[in-house]
Amino acid sequence: MTTANLPALSTGYSPDVLRFCARLGIMQYLSVAVALAQKSFPLTQELKLQPEEDPETGEEWLRLDVVIQGEIDKGLNNYDTYTDLWVASVPWPARDKIRLSYTLL
């Protein structure tokens, strides 16, 4: 799957993910996170959203899993690009509630 085939906000997110984001007050940043991931990781094969909770602290966040193809150095550079754009685009503490994780194939 290429980034052109990834779901749009209005059509592709599960009701559970949307409720989770609404409850945490991060709905407005969901599309920002996905758009920045698509921009920063142009060779995205898969993108998943998963609510997470730390069993010890109860802290919650949305995990944005990105599966990409490419070389390690390119993946690291893509991650740095995403992080720079994310920090510039989303205020604290909202940006701590959506966390990116990537897998390099």
N, C-alpha and C. Protein backbone atom coordinates (compact mmCIF):
# COMPACT_ATOMS: atom_id res chain seq x y z
N MET A 1 0.85 -1.18 0.00
CA MET A 1 0.00 0.00 0.00
C MET A 1 0.89 1.24 0.00
N THR A 2 0.56 2.20 -0.84
CA THR A 2 1.29 3.46 -0.85
C THR A 2 0.51 4.48 -0.05
N THR A 3 1.16 5.61 0.22
CA THR A 3 0.48 6.63 1.02
C THR A 3 -0.79 7.13 0.34
N ALA A 4 -0.86 7.06 -0.98
CA ALA A 4 -2.06 7.52 -1.68
C ALA A 4 -3.26 6.64 -1.34
N ASN A 5 -3.04 5.42 -0.88
CA ASN A 5 -4.12 4.50 -0.57
C ASN A 5 -4.49 4.48 0.91
N LEU A 6 -3.87 5.28 1.72
CA LEU A 6 -4.18 5.28 3.14
C LEU A 6 -5.49 6.00 3.38
N PRO A 7 -6.19 5.64 4.46
CA PRO A 7 -7.54 6.18 4.67
C PRO A 7 -7.56 7.66 5.02
N ALA A 8 -8.60 8.31 4.58
CA ALA A 8 -8.84 9.70 4.97
C ALA A 8 -9.51 9.70 6.34
N LEU A 9 -9.42 10.80 7.05
CA LEU A 9 -9.96 10.89 8.40
C LEU A 9 -11.43 10.52 8.46
N SER A 10 -12.21 11.01 7.54
CA SER A 10 -13.65 10.80 7.64
C SER A 10 -14.07 9.38 7.28
N THR A 11 -13.23 8.62 6.59
CA THR A 11 -13.66 7.31 6.12
C THR A 11 -12.88 6.15 6.70
N GLY A 12 -11.69 6.38 7.24
CA GLY A 12 -10.85 5.24 7.54
C GLY A 12 -10.58 4.91 8.99
N TYR A 13 -11.05 5.68 9.91
CA TYR A 13 -10.72 5.43 11.31
C TYR A 13 -11.87 4.75 12.02
N SER A 14 -11.53 3.80 12.84
CA SER A 14 -12.57 3.06 13.55
C SER A 14 -13.28 3.97 14.55
N PRO A 15 -14.52 3.64 14.85
CA PRO A 15 -15.24 4.40 15.88
C PRO A 15 -14.51 4.38 17.22
N ASP A 16 -13.85 3.27 17.55
CA ASP A 16 -13.10 3.19 18.81
C ASP A 16 -11.96 4.21 18.84
N VAL A 17 -11.24 4.33 17.73
CA VAL A 17 -10.14 5.29 17.66
C VAL A 17 -10.69 6.71 17.77
N LEU A 18 -11.78 6.99 17.07
CA LEU A 18 -12.36 8.33 17.11
C LEU A 18 -12.88 8.67 18.51
N ARG A 19 -13.53 7.73 19.18
CA ARG A 19 -13.99 7.97 20.56
C ARG A 19 -12.81 8.19 21.49
N PHE A 20 -11.76 7.39 21.34
CA PHE A 20 -10.57 7.51 22.17
C PHE A 20 -9.96 8.91 22.01
N CYS A 21 -9.82 9.35 20.76
CA CYS A 21 -9.24 10.67 20.50
C CYS A 21 -10.12 11.78 21.05
N ALA A 22 -11.43 11.63 20.92
CA ALA A 22 -12.34 12.63 21.47
C ALA A 22 -12.22 12.70 22.99
N ARG A 23 -12.15 11.53 23.62
CA ARG A 23 -12.04 11.49 25.09
C ARG A 23 -10.75 12.13 25.58
N LEU A 24 -9.65 11.94 24.83
CA LEU A 24 -8.36 12.52 25.24
C LEU A 24 -8.19 13.96 24.77
N GLY A 25 -9.14 14.46 23.97
CA GLY A 25 -9.05 15.83 23.48
C GLY A 25 -8.01 16.02 22.40
N ILE A 26 -7.78 14.98 21.60
CA ILE A 26 -6.74 15.06 20.56
C ILE A 26 -7.31 14.88 19.15
N MET A 27 -8.63 14.91 19.03
CA MET A 27 -9.25 14.69 17.72
C MET A 27 -8.69 15.62 16.66
N GLN A 28 -8.50 16.89 17.00
CA GLN A 28 -8.03 17.86 16.02
C GLN A 28 -6.61 17.58 15.55
N TYR A 29 -5.86 16.76 16.29
CA TYR A 29 -4.48 16.46 15.92
C TYR A 29 -4.32 15.12 15.23
N LEU A 30 -5.39 14.34 15.16
CA LEU A 30 -5.32 13.03 14.53
C LEU A 30 -4.95 13.15 13.05
N SER A 31 -5.65 13.99 12.32
CA SER A 31 -5.35 14.15 10.90
C SER A 31 -3.97 14.77 10.68
N VAL A 32 -3.53 15.61 11.61
CA VAL A 32 -2.19 16.20 11.52
C VAL A 32 -1.14 15.10 11.63
N ALA A 33 -1.30 14.22 12.61
CA ALA A 33 -0.33 13.13 12.82
C ALA A 33 -0.25 12.23 11.59
N VAL A 34 -1.40 11.87 11.05
CA VAL A 34 -1.42 10.98 9.87
C VAL A 34 -0.81 11.68 8.66
N ALA A 35 -1.17 12.93 8.43
CA ALA A 35 -0.63 13.68 7.29
C ALA A 35 0.88 13.83 7.40
N LEU A 36 1.37 14.13 8.60
CA LEU A 36 2.82 14.27 8.78
C LEU A 36 3.54 12.94 8.59
N ALA A 37 2.92 11.86 9.04
CA ALA A 37 3.52 10.53 8.84
C ALA A 37 3.59 10.22 7.35
N GLN A 38 2.52 10.49 6.62
CA GLN A 38 2.51 10.24 5.18
C GLN A 38 3.54 11.09 4.46
N LYS A 39 3.68 12.33 4.90
CA LYS A 39 4.66 13.23 4.28
C LYS A 39 6.09 12.81 4.62
N SER A 40 6.32 12.44 5.86
CA SER A 40 7.67 12.14 6.33
C SER A 40 8.16 10.76 5.92
N PHE A 41 7.22 9.83 5.73
CA PHE A 41 7.56 8.46 5.36
C PHE A 41 6.91 8.15 4.00
N PRO A 42 7.52 8.60 2.91
CA PRO A 42 6.88 8.45 1.59
C PRO A 42 6.74 7.00 1.13
N LEU A 43 7.50 6.08 1.69
CA LEU A 43 7.41 4.68 1.28
C LEU A 43 6.60 3.85 2.28
N THR A 44 5.56 4.45 2.82
CA THR A 44 4.71 3.78 3.80
C THR A 44 3.97 2.61 3.16
N GLN A 45 4.08 1.45 3.78
CA GLN A 45 3.36 0.27 3.34
C GLN A 45 2.07 0.07 4.11
N GLU A 46 2.07 0.50 5.36
CA GLU A 46 0.91 0.31 6.22
C GLU A 46 0.92 1.36 7.31
N LEU A 47 -0.28 1.79 7.71
CA LEU A 47 -0.43 2.76 8.78
C LEU A 47 -1.58 2.29 9.65
N LYS A 48 -1.33 2.13 10.95
CA LYS A 48 -2.36 1.69 11.88
C LYS A 48 -2.43 2.63 13.06
N LEU A 49 -3.60 2.74 13.64
CA LEU A 49 -3.82 3.53 14.84
C LEU A 49 -4.33 2.60 15.93
N GLN A 50 -3.71 2.70 17.10
CA GLN A 50 -4.06 1.79 18.19
C GLN A 50 -4.03 2.52 19.53
N PRO A 51 -5.16 2.57 20.24
CA PRO A 51 -5.12 3.12 21.60
C PRO A 51 -4.22 2.26 22.50
N GLU A 52 -3.47 2.91 23.35
CA GLU A 52 -2.55 2.24 24.27
C GLU A 52 -2.76 2.76 25.68
N GLU A 53 -2.44 1.91 26.65
CA GLU A 53 -2.49 2.31 28.05
C GLU A 53 -1.35 1.63 28.79
N ASP A 54 -0.61 2.42 29.57
CA ASP A 54 0.44 1.86 30.42
C ASP A 54 -0.24 1.18 31.60
N PRO A 55 -0.04 -0.13 31.77
CA PRO A 55 -0.73 -0.84 32.85
C PRO A 55 -0.27 -0.41 34.25
N GLU A 56 0.91 0.16 34.35
CA GLU A 56 1.42 0.56 35.66
C GLU A 56 0.94 1.95 36.07
N THR A 57 0.84 2.87 35.09
CA THR A 57 0.50 4.25 35.43
C THR A 57 -0.91 4.65 35.01
N GLY A 58 -1.49 3.90 34.07
CA GLY A 58 -2.79 4.27 33.54
C GLY A 58 -2.72 5.34 32.46
N GLU A 59 -1.52 5.81 32.14
CA GLU A 59 -1.35 6.82 31.09
C GLU A 59 -1.83 6.24 29.76
N GLU A 60 -2.52 7.09 28.97
CA GLU A 60 -3.06 6.65 27.70
C GLU A 60 -2.53 7.51 26.55
N TRP A 61 -2.42 6.89 25.38
CA TRP A 61 -2.02 7.58 24.18
C TRP A 61 -2.47 6.78 22.97
N LEU A 62 -2.45 7.41 21.82
CA LEU A 62 -2.74 6.76 20.56
C LEU A 62 -1.42 6.44 19.89
N ARG A 63 -1.24 5.16 19.56
CA ARG A 63 -0.01 4.75 18.87
C ARG A 63 -0.28 4.76 17.37
N LEU A 64 0.57 5.47 16.65
CA LEU A 64 0.53 5.55 15.20
C LEU A 64 1.65 4.66 14.68
N ASP A 65 1.29 3.48 14.20
CA ASP A 65 2.26 2.51 13.68
C ASP A 65 2.41 2.69 12.19
N VAL A 66 3.65 2.87 11.74
CA VAL A 66 3.94 3.03 10.33
C VAL A 66 4.91 1.93 9.93
N VAL A 67 4.57 1.21 8.87
CA VAL A 67 5.47 0.19 8.30
C VAL A 67 6.00 0.76 7.00
N ILE A 68 7.33 0.82 6.90
CA ILE A 68 7.95 1.44 5.73
C ILE A 68 8.97 0.50 5.10
N GLN A 69 9.27 0.77 3.84
CA GLN A 69 10.36 0.09 3.15
C GLN A 69 11.51 1.06 3.03
N GLY A 70 12.72 0.51 2.96
CA GLY A 70 13.86 1.37 2.74
C GLY A 70 15.05 1.00 3.58
N GLU A 71 16.04 1.84 3.50
CA GLU A 71 17.27 1.62 4.24
C GLU A 71 17.17 2.24 5.62
N ILE A 72 17.99 1.73 6.52
CA ILE A 72 17.96 2.19 7.92
C ILE A 72 18.21 3.69 8.02
N ASP A 73 19.23 4.18 7.33
CA ASP A 73 19.55 5.61 7.41
C ASP A 73 18.39 6.47 6.92
N LYS A 74 17.73 6.04 5.86
CA LYS A 74 16.59 6.78 5.33
C LYS A 74 15.44 6.77 6.34
N GLY A 75 15.21 5.62 6.97
CA GLY A 75 14.16 5.53 7.98
C GLY A 75 14.43 6.45 9.16
N LEU A 76 15.67 6.50 9.60
CA LEU A 76 16.03 7.39 10.71
C LEU A 76 15.85 8.86 10.32
N ASN A 77 16.23 9.20 9.11
CA ASN A 77 16.04 10.57 8.64
C ASN A 77 14.56 10.92 8.53
N ASN A 78 13.76 9.96 8.06
CA ASN A 78 12.32 10.18 7.97
C ASN A 78 11.72 10.40 9.35
N TYR A 79 12.18 9.63 10.32
CA TYR A 79 11.70 9.78 11.70
C TYR A 79 12.06 11.15 12.25
N ASP A 80 13.29 11.59 12.00
CA ASP A 80 13.71 12.92 12.45
C ASP A 80 12.84 14.01 11.82
N THR A 81 12.54 13.86 10.53
CA THR A 81 11.68 14.82 9.84
C THR A 81 10.31 14.85 10.49
N TYR A 82 9.72 13.67 10.74
CA TYR A 82 8.42 13.60 11.38
C TYR A 82 8.45 14.29 12.74
N THR A 83 9.44 13.98 13.53
CA THR A 83 9.54 14.53 14.89
C THR A 83 9.63 16.05 14.85
N ASP A 84 10.46 16.59 13.97
CA ASP A 84 10.59 18.05 13.85
C ASP A 84 9.25 18.69 13.47
N LEU A 85 8.57 18.11 12.49
CA LEU A 85 7.28 18.65 12.06
C LEU A 85 6.22 18.50 13.14
N TRP A 86 6.22 17.38 13.83
CA TRP A 86 5.23 17.12 14.90
C TRP A 86 5.39 18.13 16.02
N VAL A 87 6.62 18.34 16.46
CA VAL A 87 6.87 19.28 17.56
C VAL A 87 6.50 20.70 17.14
N ALA A 88 6.73 21.04 15.88
CA ALA A 88 6.40 22.38 15.40
C ALA A 88 4.90 22.57 15.19
N SER A 89 4.16 21.48 15.03
CA SER A 89 2.75 21.58 14.66
C SER A 89 1.76 21.39 15.79
N VAL A 90 2.16 20.67 16.84
CA VAL A 90 1.20 20.28 17.89
C VAL A 90 1.74 20.69 19.26
N PRO A 91 0.94 21.37 20.06
CA PRO A 91 1.41 21.81 21.37
C PRO A 91 1.47 20.67 22.39
N TRP A 92 2.31 20.86 23.38
CA TRP A 92 2.35 19.98 24.54
C TRP A 92 1.15 20.30 25.40
N PRO A 93 0.46 19.41 26.01
CA PRO A 93 0.72 17.99 26.15
C PRO A 93 0.04 17.13 25.09
N ALA A 94 -0.69 17.77 24.13
CA ALA A 94 -1.40 16.98 23.12
C ALA A 94 -0.44 16.10 22.31
N ARG A 95 0.75 16.60 22.01
CA ARG A 95 1.65 15.80 21.18
C ARG A 95 2.17 14.56 21.90
N ASP A 96 2.07 14.53 23.22
CA ASP A 96 2.46 13.33 23.96
C ASP A 96 1.37 12.26 23.92
N LYS A 97 0.18 12.63 23.48
CA LYS A 97 -0.95 11.71 23.45
C LYS A 97 -1.06 10.95 22.13
N ILE A 98 -0.25 11.32 21.14
CA ILE A 98 -0.16 10.57 19.89
C ILE A 98 1.32 10.28 19.68
N ARG A 99 1.66 9.01 19.64
CA ARG A 99 3.07 8.59 19.55
C ARG A 99 3.28 7.73 18.33
N LEU A 100 4.31 8.05 17.59
CA LEU A 100 4.63 7.32 16.37
C LEU A 100 5.60 6.18 16.67
N SER A 101 5.34 5.07 16.04
CA SER A 101 6.23 3.92 16.08
C SER A 101 6.38 3.44 14.64
N TYR A 102 7.62 3.16 14.22
CA TYR A 102 7.76 2.71 12.83
C TYR A 102 8.54 1.41 12.78
N THR A 103 8.21 0.63 11.77
CA THR A 103 8.89 -0.63 11.49
C THR A 103 9.47 -0.53 10.10
N LEU A 104 10.73 -0.86 9.98
CA LEU A 104 11.42 -0.81 8.71
C LEU A 104 11.52 -2.22 8.13
N LEU A 105 11.03 -2.40 6.92
CA LEU A 105 11.11 -3.71 6.26
C LEU A 105 12.37 -3.83 5.45
